[in-house]
C-alpha atoms as a PDB file:
ATOM      1  CA  UNK A   1     -41.337-122.741  11.332  1.00  0.00           C
ATOM      2  CA  UNK A   2     -40.533-120.952   8.089  1.00  0.00           C
ATOM      3  CA  UNK A   3     -42.617-120.842   4.936  1.00  0.00           C
ATOM      4  CA  UNK A   4     -41.582-122.140   1.542  1.00  0.00           C
ATOM      5  CA  UNK A   5     -41.422-120.300  -1.792  1.00  0.00           C
ATOM      6  CA  UNK A   6     -44.743-120.087  -3.549  1.00  0.00           C
ATOM      7  CA  UNK A   7     -47.644-117.730  -3.824  1.00  0.00           C
ATOM      8  CA  UNK A   8     -46.680-116.127  -0.510  1.00  0.00           C
ATOM      9  CA  UNK A   9     -43.216-115.185  -1.739  1.00  0.00           C
ATOM     10  CA  UNK A  10     -42.945-111.660  -3.063  1.00  0.00           C
ATOM     11  CA  UNK A  11     -40.180-109.548  -4.542  1.00  0.00           C
ATOM     12  CA  UNK A  12     -38.663-106.705  -2.574  1.00  0.00           C
ATOM     13  CA  UNK A  13     -38.405-103.595  -4.724  1.00  0.00           C
ATOM     14  CA  UNK A  14     -35.606-101.221  -3.674  1.00  0.00           C
ATOM     15  CA  UNK A  15     -36.349 -97.693  -2.524  1.00  0.00           C
ATOM     16  CA  UNK A  16     -35.313 -94.985  -4.923  1.00  0.00           C
ATOM     17  CA  UNK A  17     -33.828 -92.876  -2.103  1.00  0.00           C
ATOM     18  CA  UNK A  18     -33.058 -92.826   1.606  1.00  0.00           C
ATOM     19  CA  UNK A  19     -35.841 -90.246   1.963  1.00  0.00           C
ATOM     20  CA  UNK A  20     -38.415 -92.893   1.078  1.00  0.00           C
ATOM     21  CA  UNK A  21     -37.038 -95.101   3.837  1.00  0.00           C
ATOM     22  CA  UNK A  22     -37.055 -92.210   6.316  1.00  0.00           C
ATOM     23  CA  UNK A  23     -40.661 -91.462   5.380  1.00  0.00           C
ATOM     24  CA  UNK A  24     -41.670 -95.036   6.220  1.00  0.00           C
ATOM     25  CA  UNK A  25     -40.005 -94.865   9.647  1.00  0.00           C
ATOM     26  CA  UNK A  26     -41.692 -91.529  10.404  1.00  0.00           C
ATOM     27  CA  UNK A  27     -45.022 -92.999   9.379  1.00  0.00           C
ATOM     28  CA  UNK A  28     -44.596 -95.836  11.878  1.00  0.00           C
ATOM     29  CA  UNK A  29     -43.513 -93.500  14.681  1.00  0.00           C
ATOM     30  CA  UNK A  30     -46.382 -91.107  13.980  1.00  0.00           C
ATOM     31  CA  UNK A  31     -48.940 -93.906  14.174  1.00  0.00           C
ATOM     32  CA  UNK A  32     -47.350 -95.133  17.407  1.00  0.00           C
ATOM     33  CA  UNK A  33     -47.395 -91.693  19.095  1.00  0.00           C
ATOM     34  CA  UNK A  34     -50.953 -91.136  17.939  1.00  0.00           C
ATOM     35  CA  UNK A  35     -52.057 -94.367  19.610  1.00  0.00           C
ATOM     36  CA  UNK A  36     -50.056 -93.699  22.777  1.00  0.00           C
ATOM     37  CA  UNK A  37     -51.187 -90.149  23.449  1.00  0.00           C
ATOM     38  CA  UNK A  38     -54.211 -89.607  21.219  1.00  0.00           C
ATOM     39  CA  UNK A  39     -52.286 -86.980  19.265  1.00  0.00           C
ATOM     40  CA  UNK A  40     -53.358 -85.320  16.043  1.00  0.00           C
ATOM     41  CA  UNK A  41     -50.184 -86.389  14.255  1.00  0.00           C
ATOM     42  CA  UNK A  42     -49.345 -88.019  10.955  1.00  0.00           C
ATOM     43  CA  UNK A  43     -46.264 -88.361   8.828  1.00  0.00           C
ATOM     44  CA  UNK A  44     -46.885 -84.987   7.149  1.00  0.00           C
ATOM     45  CA  UNK A  45     -47.071 -83.116  10.466  1.00  0.00           C
ATOM     46  CA  UNK A  46     -44.548 -85.220  12.365  1.00  0.00           C
ATOM     47  CA  UNK A  47     -41.926 -82.523  12.979  1.00  0.00           C
ATOM     48  CA  UNK A  48     -44.454 -79.719  13.495  1.00  0.00           C
ATOM     49  CA  UNK A  49     -46.181 -81.589  16.321  1.00  0.00           C
ATOM     50  CA  UNK A  50     -42.906 -82.422  18.063  1.00  0.00           C
ATOM     51  CA  UNK A  51     -40.853 -79.271  17.458  1.00  0.00           C
ATOM     52  CA  UNK A  52     -41.862 -77.485  20.702  1.00  0.00           C
ATOM     53  CA  UNK A  53     -40.503 -80.380  22.741  1.00  0.00           C
ATOM     54  CA  UNK A  54     -43.670 -80.567  24.865  1.00  0.00           C
ATOM     55  CA  UNK A  55     -44.702 -83.989  23.537  1.00  0.00           C
ATOM     56  CA  UNK A  56     -41.126 -85.245  23.772  1.00  0.00           C
ATOM     57  CA  UNK A  57     -40.798 -84.236  27.426  1.00  0.00           C
ATOM     58  CA  UNK A  58     -44.202 -85.701  28.273  1.00  0.00           C
ATOM     59  CA  UNK A  59     -43.117 -88.903  26.550  1.00  0.00           C
ATOM     60  CA  UNK A  60     -39.914 -88.961  28.616  1.00  0.00           C
ATOM     61  CA  UNK A  61     -41.898 -88.566  31.836  1.00  0.00           C
ATOM     62  CA  UNK A  62     -44.242 -91.354  30.774  1.00  0.00           C
ATOM     63  CA  UNK A  63     -41.286 -93.660  30.102  1.00  0.00           C
ATOM     64  CA  UNK A  64     -39.903 -92.851  33.567  1.00  0.00           C
ATOM     65  CA  UNK A  65     -43.282 -93.699  35.104  1.00  0.00           C
ATOM     66  CA  UNK A  66     -43.408 -97.041  33.273  1.00  0.00           C
ATOM     67  CA  UNK A  67     -39.834 -97.780  34.408  1.00  0.00           C
ATOM     68  CA  UNK A  68     -40.729 -97.082  38.035  1.00  0.00           C
ATOM     69  CA  UNK A  69     -43.721 -99.418  37.835  1.00  0.00           C
ATOM     70  CA  UNK A  70     -41.545-102.087  36.247  1.00  0.00           C
ATOM     71  CA  UNK A  71     -38.924-101.692  38.969  1.00  0.00           C
ATOM     72  CA  UNK A  72     -41.539-102.227  41.677  1.00  0.00           C
ATOM     73  CA  UNK A  73     -43.121-105.203  39.910  1.00  0.00           C
ATOM     74  CA  UNK A  74     -39.910-106.907  38.754  1.00  0.00           C
ATOM     75  CA  UNK A  75     -37.022-105.789  41.013  1.00  0.00           C
ATOM     76  CA  UNK A  76     -34.834-108.723  39.979  1.00  0.00           C
ATOM     77  CA  UNK A  77     -35.038-107.931  36.278  1.00  0.00           C
ATOM     78  CA  UNK A  78     -34.793-104.189  36.902  1.00  0.00           C
ATOM     79  CA  UNK A  79     -31.351-104.583  38.457  1.00  0.00           C
ATOM     80  CA  UNK A  80     -29.996-105.741  35.102  1.00  0.00           C
ATOM     81  CA  UNK A  81     -31.402-102.822  33.104  1.00  0.00           C
ATOM     82  CA  UNK A  82     -30.523 -99.153  32.836  1.00  0.00           C
ATOM     83  CA  UNK A  83     -33.762 -97.556  34.019  1.00  0.00           C
ATOM     84  CA  UNK A  84     -34.502 -93.819  34.116  1.00  0.00           C
ATOM     85  CA  UNK A  85     -34.585 -92.547  37.699  1.00  0.00           C
ATOM     86  CA  UNK A  86     -35.899 -89.037  37.025  1.00  0.00           C
ATOM     87  CA  UNK A  87     -38.210 -87.238  34.676  1.00  0.00           C
ATOM     88  CA  UNK A  88     -37.694 -83.975  32.813  1.00  0.00           C
ATOM     89  CA  UNK A  89     -38.993 -80.437  33.350  1.00  0.00           C
ATOM     90  CA  UNK A  90     -41.193 -79.101  30.577  1.00  0.00           C
ATOM     91  CA  UNK A  91     -42.998 -75.965  29.450  1.00  0.00           C
ATOM     92  CA  UNK A  92     -46.196 -77.354  27.928  1.00  0.00           C
ATOM     93  CA  UNK A  93     -47.215 -73.928  26.598  1.00  0.00           C
ATOM     94  CA  UNK A  94     -44.038 -73.400  24.569  1.00  0.00           C
ATOM     95  CA  UNK A  95     -44.559 -72.093  21.044  1.00  0.00           C
ATOM     96  CA  UNK A  96     -42.586 -73.188  17.962  1.00  0.00           C
ATOM     97  CA  UNK A  97     -39.265 -71.432  17.482  1.00  0.00           C
ATOM     98  CA  UNK A  98     -39.193 -69.850  20.943  1.00  0.00           C
ATOM     99  CA  UNK A  99     -36.539 -70.130  23.616  1.00  0.00           C
ATOM    100  CA  UNK A 100     -38.978 -72.186  25.693  1.00  0.00           C
ATOM    101  CA  UNK A 101     -39.318 -74.695  22.860  1.00  0.00           C
ATOM    102  CA  UNK A 102     -35.552 -74.968  22.483  1.00  0.00           C
ATOM    103  CA  UNK A 103     -35.248 -75.425  26.237  1.00  0.00           C
ATOM    104  CA  UNK A 104     -37.787 -78.270  26.145  1.00  0.00           C
ATOM    105  CA  UNK A 105     -35.920 -80.037  23.344  1.00  0.00           C
ATOM    106  CA  UNK A 106     -32.589 -79.518  25.113  1.00  0.00           C
ATOM    107  CA  UNK A 107     -34.001 -80.974  28.344  1.00  0.00           C
ATOM    108  CA  UNK A 108     -35.266 -83.999  26.430  1.00  0.00           C
ATOM    109  CA  UNK A 109     -31.853 -84.526  24.831  1.00  0.00           C
ATOM    110  CA  UNK A 110     -30.094 -84.371  28.199  1.00  0.00           C
ATOM    111  CA  UNK A 111     -32.625 -86.818  29.646  1.00  0.00           C
ATOM    112  CA  UNK A 112     -31.976 -89.274  26.804  1.00  0.00           C
ATOM    113  CA  UNK A 113     -28.251 -89.123  27.459  1.00  0.00           C
ATOM    114  CA  UNK A 114     -28.343 -89.294  31.266  1.00  0.00           C
ATOM    115  CA  UNK A 115     -31.429 -91.339  32.098  1.00  0.00           C
ATOM    116  CA  UNK A 116     -31.584 -93.648  29.055  1.00  0.00           C
ATOM    117  CA  UNK A 117     -27.842 -93.871  28.401  1.00  0.00           C
ATOM    118  CA  UNK A 118     -28.217 -93.174  24.683  1.00  0.00           C
ATOM    119  CA  UNK A 119     -24.776 -92.542  23.228  1.00  0.00           C
ATOM    120  CA  UNK A 120     -23.889 -89.439  21.248  1.00  0.00           C
ATOM    121  CA  UNK A 121     -23.640 -91.386  17.986  1.00  0.00           C
ATOM    122  CA  UNK A 122     -27.395 -92.038  18.248  1.00  0.00           C
ATOM    123  CA  UNK A 123     -28.360 -88.591  19.535  1.00  0.00           C
ATOM    124  CA  UNK A 124     -29.572 -85.472  17.762  1.00  0.00           C
ATOM    125  CA  UNK A 125     -28.999 -81.808  18.562  1.00  0.00           C
ATOM    126  CA  UNK A 126     -31.594 -79.131  19.296  1.00  0.00           C
ATOM    127  CA  UNK A 127     -31.094 -77.498  15.909  1.00  0.00           C
ATOM    128  CA  UNK A 128     -31.653 -80.818  14.131  1.00  0.00           C
ATOM    129  CA  UNK A 129     -35.311 -80.613  15.138  1.00  0.00           C
ATOM    130  CA  UNK A 130     -36.006 -76.910  15.650  1.00  0.00           C
ATOM    131  CA  UNK A 131     -34.268 -75.770  12.455  1.00  0.00           C
ATOM    132  CA  UNK A 132     -34.666 -79.097  10.578  1.00  0.00           C
ATOM    133  CA  UNK A 133     -30.895 -79.435  10.220  1.00  0.00           C
ATOM    134  CA  UNK A 134     -30.870 -83.219  10.474  1.00  0.00           C
ATOM    135  CA  UNK A 135     -34.278 -84.853  10.445  1.00  0.00           C
ATOM    136  CA  UNK A 136     -32.799 -88.341  10.112  1.00  0.00           C
ATOM    137  CA  UNK A 137     -30.809 -88.108  13.369  1.00  0.00           C
ATOM    138  CA  UNK A 138     -33.919 -86.996  15.241  1.00  0.00           C
ATOM    139  CA  UNK A 139     -36.072 -89.806  13.836  1.00  0.00           C
ATOM    140  CA  UNK A 140     -33.470 -92.509  14.518  1.00  0.00           C
ATOM    141  CA  UNK A 141     -32.986 -91.241  18.073  1.00  0.00           C
ATOM    142  CA  UNK A 142     -36.722 -91.605  18.743  1.00  0.00           C
ATOM    143  CA  UNK A 143     -36.562 -95.118  17.351  1.00  0.00           C
ATOM    144  CA  UNK A 144     -33.632 -96.024  19.616  1.00  0.00           C
ATOM    145  CA  UNK A 145     -35.457 -94.564  22.625  1.00  0.00           C
ATOM    146  CA  UNK A 146     -38.504 -96.699  21.829  1.00  0.00           C
ATOM    147  CA  UNK A 147     -36.252 -99.740  21.481  1.00  0.00           C
ATOM    148  CA  UNK A 148     -34.725 -99.226  24.940  1.00  0.00           C
ATOM    149  CA  UNK A 149     -38.005 -98.384  26.680  1.00  0.00           C
ATOM    150  CA  UNK A 150     -39.593-101.552  25.282  1.00  0.00           C
ATOM    151  CA  UNK A 151     -37.144-103.563  27.401  1.00  0.00           C
ATOM    152  CA  UNK A 152     -39.068-102.647  30.537  1.00  0.00           C
ATOM    153  CA  UNK A 153     -42.605-102.820  29.192  1.00  0.00           C
ATOM    154  CA  UNK A 154     -43.227 -99.578  27.296  1.00  0.00           C
ATOM    155  CA  UNK A 155     -45.494-100.050  24.287  1.00  0.00           C
ATOM    156  CA  UNK A 156     -43.289-100.073  21.185  1.00  0.00           C
ATOM    157  CA  UNK A 157     -43.799 -99.043  17.544  1.00  0.00           C
ATOM    158  CA  UNK A 158     -44.357-101.736  14.943  1.00  0.00           C
ATOM    159  CA  UNK A 159     -40.746-101.701  13.758  1.00  0.00           C
ATOM    160  CA  UNK A 160     -39.380-102.409  17.249  1.00  0.00           C
ATOM    161  CA  UNK A 161     -41.943-105.154  17.819  1.00  0.00           C
ATOM    162  CA  UNK A 162     -40.830-106.844  14.601  1.00  0.00           C
ATOM    163  CA  UNK A 163     -37.182-106.595  15.658  1.00  0.00           C
ATOM    164  CA  UNK A 164     -38.025-108.317  18.946  1.00  0.00           C
ATOM    165  CA  UNK A 165     -39.953-111.084  17.200  1.00  0.00           C
ATOM    166  CA  UNK A 166     -37.110-111.730  14.763  1.00  0.00           C
ATOM    167  CA  UNK A 167     -34.570-111.687  17.597  1.00  0.00           C
ATOM    168  CA  UNK A 168     -36.585-114.316  19.470  1.00  0.00           C
ATOM    169  CA  UNK A 169     -36.914-116.495  16.357  1.00  0.00           C
ATOM    170  CA  UNK A 170     -33.169-116.231  15.815  1.00  0.00           C
ATOM    171  CA  UNK A 171     -32.533-117.353  19.393  1.00  0.00           C
ATOM    172  CA  UNK A 172     -34.861-120.322  18.890  1.00  0.00           C
ATOM    173  CA  UNK A 173     -33.087-121.327  15.668  1.00  0.00           C
ATOM    174  CA  UNK A 174     -29.700-121.115  17.388  1.00  0.00           C
ATOM    175  CA  UNK A 175     -31.074-122.915  20.480  1.00  0.00           C
ATOM    176  CA  UNK A 176     -30.128-120.036  22.788  1.00  0.00           C
ATOM    177  CA  UNK A 177     -31.871-119.376  26.124  1.00  0.00           C
ATOM    178  CA  UNK A 178     -34.869-117.075  26.047  1.00  0.00           C
ATOM    179  CA  UNK A 179     -34.149-113.495  27.059  1.00  0.00           C
ATOM    180  CA  UNK A 180     -35.399-112.559  30.529  1.00  0.00           C
ATOM    181  CA  UNK A 181     -37.672-109.727  29.454  1.00  0.00           C
ATOM    182  CA  UNK A 182     -40.946-108.366  30.841  1.00  0.00           C
ATOM    183  CA  UNK A 183     -44.247-109.547  29.360  1.00  0.00           C
ATOM    184  CA  UNK A 184     -44.871-107.567  26.161  1.00  0.00           C
ATOM    185  CA  UNK A 185     -47.722-105.029  26.045  1.00  0.00           C
ATOM    186  CA  UNK A 186     -50.732-105.778  23.825  1.00  0.00           C
ATOM    187  CA  UNK A 187     -49.425-105.933  20.225  1.00  0.00           C
ATOM    188  CA  UNK A 188     -50.285-103.229  17.775  1.00  0.00           C
ATOM    189  CA  UNK A 189     -51.851-104.185  14.481  1.00  0.00           C
ATOM    190  CA  UNK A 190     -49.215-104.482  11.796  1.00  0.00           C
ATOM    191  CA  UNK A 191     -49.684-102.699   8.500  1.00  0.00           C
ATOM    192  CA  UNK A 192     -49.517-104.622   5.229  1.00  0.00           C
ATOM    193  CA  UNK A 193     -46.220-102.960   4.347  1.00  0.00           C
ATOM    194  CA  UNK A 194     -43.879-104.187   7.084  1.00  0.00           C
ATOM    195  CA  UNK A 195     -41.029-101.924   8.127  1.00  0.00           C
ATOM    196  CA  UNK A 196     -38.435-104.703   7.988  1.00  0.00           C
ATOM    197  CA  UNK A 197     -39.287-105.195   4.318  1.00  0.00           C
ATOM    198  CA  UNK A 198     -38.863-101.458   3.847  1.00  0.00           C
ATOM    199  CA  UNK A 199     -35.434-101.569   5.458  1.00  0.00           C
ATOM    200  CA  UNK A 200     -34.436-104.513   3.251  1.00  0.00           C
ATOM    201  CA  UNK A 201     -35.624-102.537   0.233  1.00  0.00           C
ATOM    202  CA  UNK A 202     -33.382 -99.668   1.258  1.00  0.00           C
ATOM    203  CA  UNK A 203     -30.426-102.029   1.700  1.00  0.00           C
ATOM    204  CA  UNK A 204     -30.953-103.655  -1.711  1.00  0.00           C
ATOM    205  CA  UNK A 205     -31.245-100.228  -3.357  1.00  0.00           C
ATOM    206  CA  UNK A 206     -27.651 -99.438  -2.332  1.00  0.00           C
ATOM    207  CA  UNK A 207     -26.273-102.303  -4.457  1.00  0.00           C
ATOM    208  CA  UNK A 208     -24.078-101.081  -7.343  1.00  0.00           C
ATOM    209  CA  UNK A 209     -23.661-104.459  -9.074  1.00  0.00           C
ATOM    210  CA  UNK A 210     -23.925-104.369 -12.902  1.00  0.00           C
ATOM    211  CA  UNK A 211     -26.572-107.107 -12.725  1.00  0.00           C
ATOM    212  CA  UNK A 212     -29.319-106.619 -10.150  1.00  0.00           C
ATOM    213  CA  UNK A 213     -30.742-109.726  -8.461  1.00  0.00           C
ATOM    214  CA  UNK A 214     -34.246-109.778  -7.010  1.00  0.00           C
ATOM    215  CA  UNK A 215     -34.706-110.204  -3.267  1.00  0.00           C
ATOM    216  CA  UNK A 216     -37.555-112.659  -2.643  1.00  0.00           C
ATOM    217  CA  UNK A 217     -39.333-112.714   0.717  1.00  0.00           C
ATOM    218  CA  UNK A 218     -39.823-116.268   1.993  1.00  0.00           C
ATOM    219  CA  UNK A 219     -41.305-115.410   5.409  1.00  0.00           C
ATOM    220  CA  UNK A 220     -40.881-112.747   8.097  1.00  0.00           C
ATOM    221  CA  UNK A 221     -37.172-111.926   8.273  1.00  0.00           C
ATOM    222  CA  UNK A 222     -36.103-114.563   5.736  1.00  0.00           C
ATOM    223  CA  UNK A 223     -35.190-113.788   2.115  1.00  0.00           C
ATOM    224  CA  UNK A 224     -33.693-115.451  -0.962  1.00  0.00           C
ATOM    225  CA  UNK A 225     -31.484-113.591  -3.446  1.00  0.00           C
ATOM    226  CA  UNK A 226     -31.798-114.322  -7.163  1.00  0.00           C
ATOM    227  CA  UNK A 227     -31.823-117.987  -8.213  1.00  0.00           C
ATOM    228  CA  UNK A 228     -29.770-119.140  -5.230  1.00  0.00           C
ATOM    229  CA  UNK A 229     -31.231-121.711  -2.831  1.00  0.00           C
ATOM    230  CA  UNK A 230     -29.447-120.059   0.098  1.00  0.00           C
ATOM    231  CA  UNK A 231     -31.783-118.346   2.562  1.00  0.00           C
ATOM    232  CA  UNK A 232     -30.701-115.164   4.326  1.00  0.00           C
ATOM    233  CA  UNK A 233     -32.080-114.287   7.752  1.00  0.00           C
ATOM    234  CA  UNK A 234     -32.333-110.510   8.187  1.00  0.00           C
ATOM    235  CA  UNK A 235     -32.880-108.528  11.343  1.00  0.00           C
ATOM    236  CA  UNK A 236     -32.892-104.818  12.177  1.00  0.00           C
ATOM    237  CA  UNK A 237     -30.264-103.541  14.585  1.00  0.00           C
ATOM    238  CA  UNK A 238     -29.574 -99.964  15.627  1.00  0.00           C
ATOM    239  CA  UNK A 239     -29.663 -97.838  12.465  1.00  0.00           C
ATOM    240  CA  UNK A 240     -29.622-100.429   9.748  1.00  0.00           C
ATOM    241  CA  UNK A 241     -30.441-103.913   8.572  1.00  0.00           C
ATOM    242  CA  UNK A 242     -27.927-106.644   9.305  1.00  0.00           C
ATOM    243  CA  UNK A 243     -27.440-110.344   8.633  1.00  0.00           C
ATOM    244  CA  UNK A 244     -26.601-112.167  11.903  1.00  0.00           C
ATOM    245  CA  UNK A 245     -23.770-114.671  11.975  1.00  0.00           C
ATOM    246  CA  UNK A 246     -25.006-118.196  11.457  1.00  0.00           C
ATOM    247  CA  UNK A 247     -28.236-117.018   9.870  1.00  0.00           C
ATOM    248  CA  UNK A 248     -27.622-118.236   6.342  1.00  0.00           C
ATOM    249  CA  UNK A 249     -28.882-121.709   5.643  1.00  0.00           C
END
């Protein structure tokens, strides 16, 4: 299943800062939203396009619609998932910085908490987006929302798709039963610079060892550190990269 070291193996260079990692995640989310809703959005305009809350609320209503369709098509599976039962009110004409924009963002936040059961530790506050107080919390919340919506058939960003693929490969290696999930939507084309590699780069960059060892990519989700023959299986979970138990071998 897995490749062997050779011409395909490549070193993972650490990021110089967490901002570089955050930029990569925003880039993936921007591309995803652009494809979903035909938006004029890119990483440089990411916050400006979303700051009125209009796109966020429309996205929430779309997720609710997909969940309702999934519930009708797969009632047995739906009973085991936390599906949104209601949408969110929205002022589509809200302008940046206005009370209407803040109200939109607040409504979206409440919807995430109530309808998607996203815990406070993964949530952002209105000011984090409107006043740019904590861009990272906002970006990671959108990523978590995409992760949860993908469980019932919502098209997911590249990063979430890669997480699902690695999770399935891990289950196969550990001989665990396949997860009872809905058929995935048509896959999006992956960019050359995969987000999991970017997350691994960020993790390696945090090492404070006197001697730095290179991280060599063997195949998707599998890496080798330095001259060791031990392979490390890496997957993305919640906010950060982790090494699952039983994955070294």
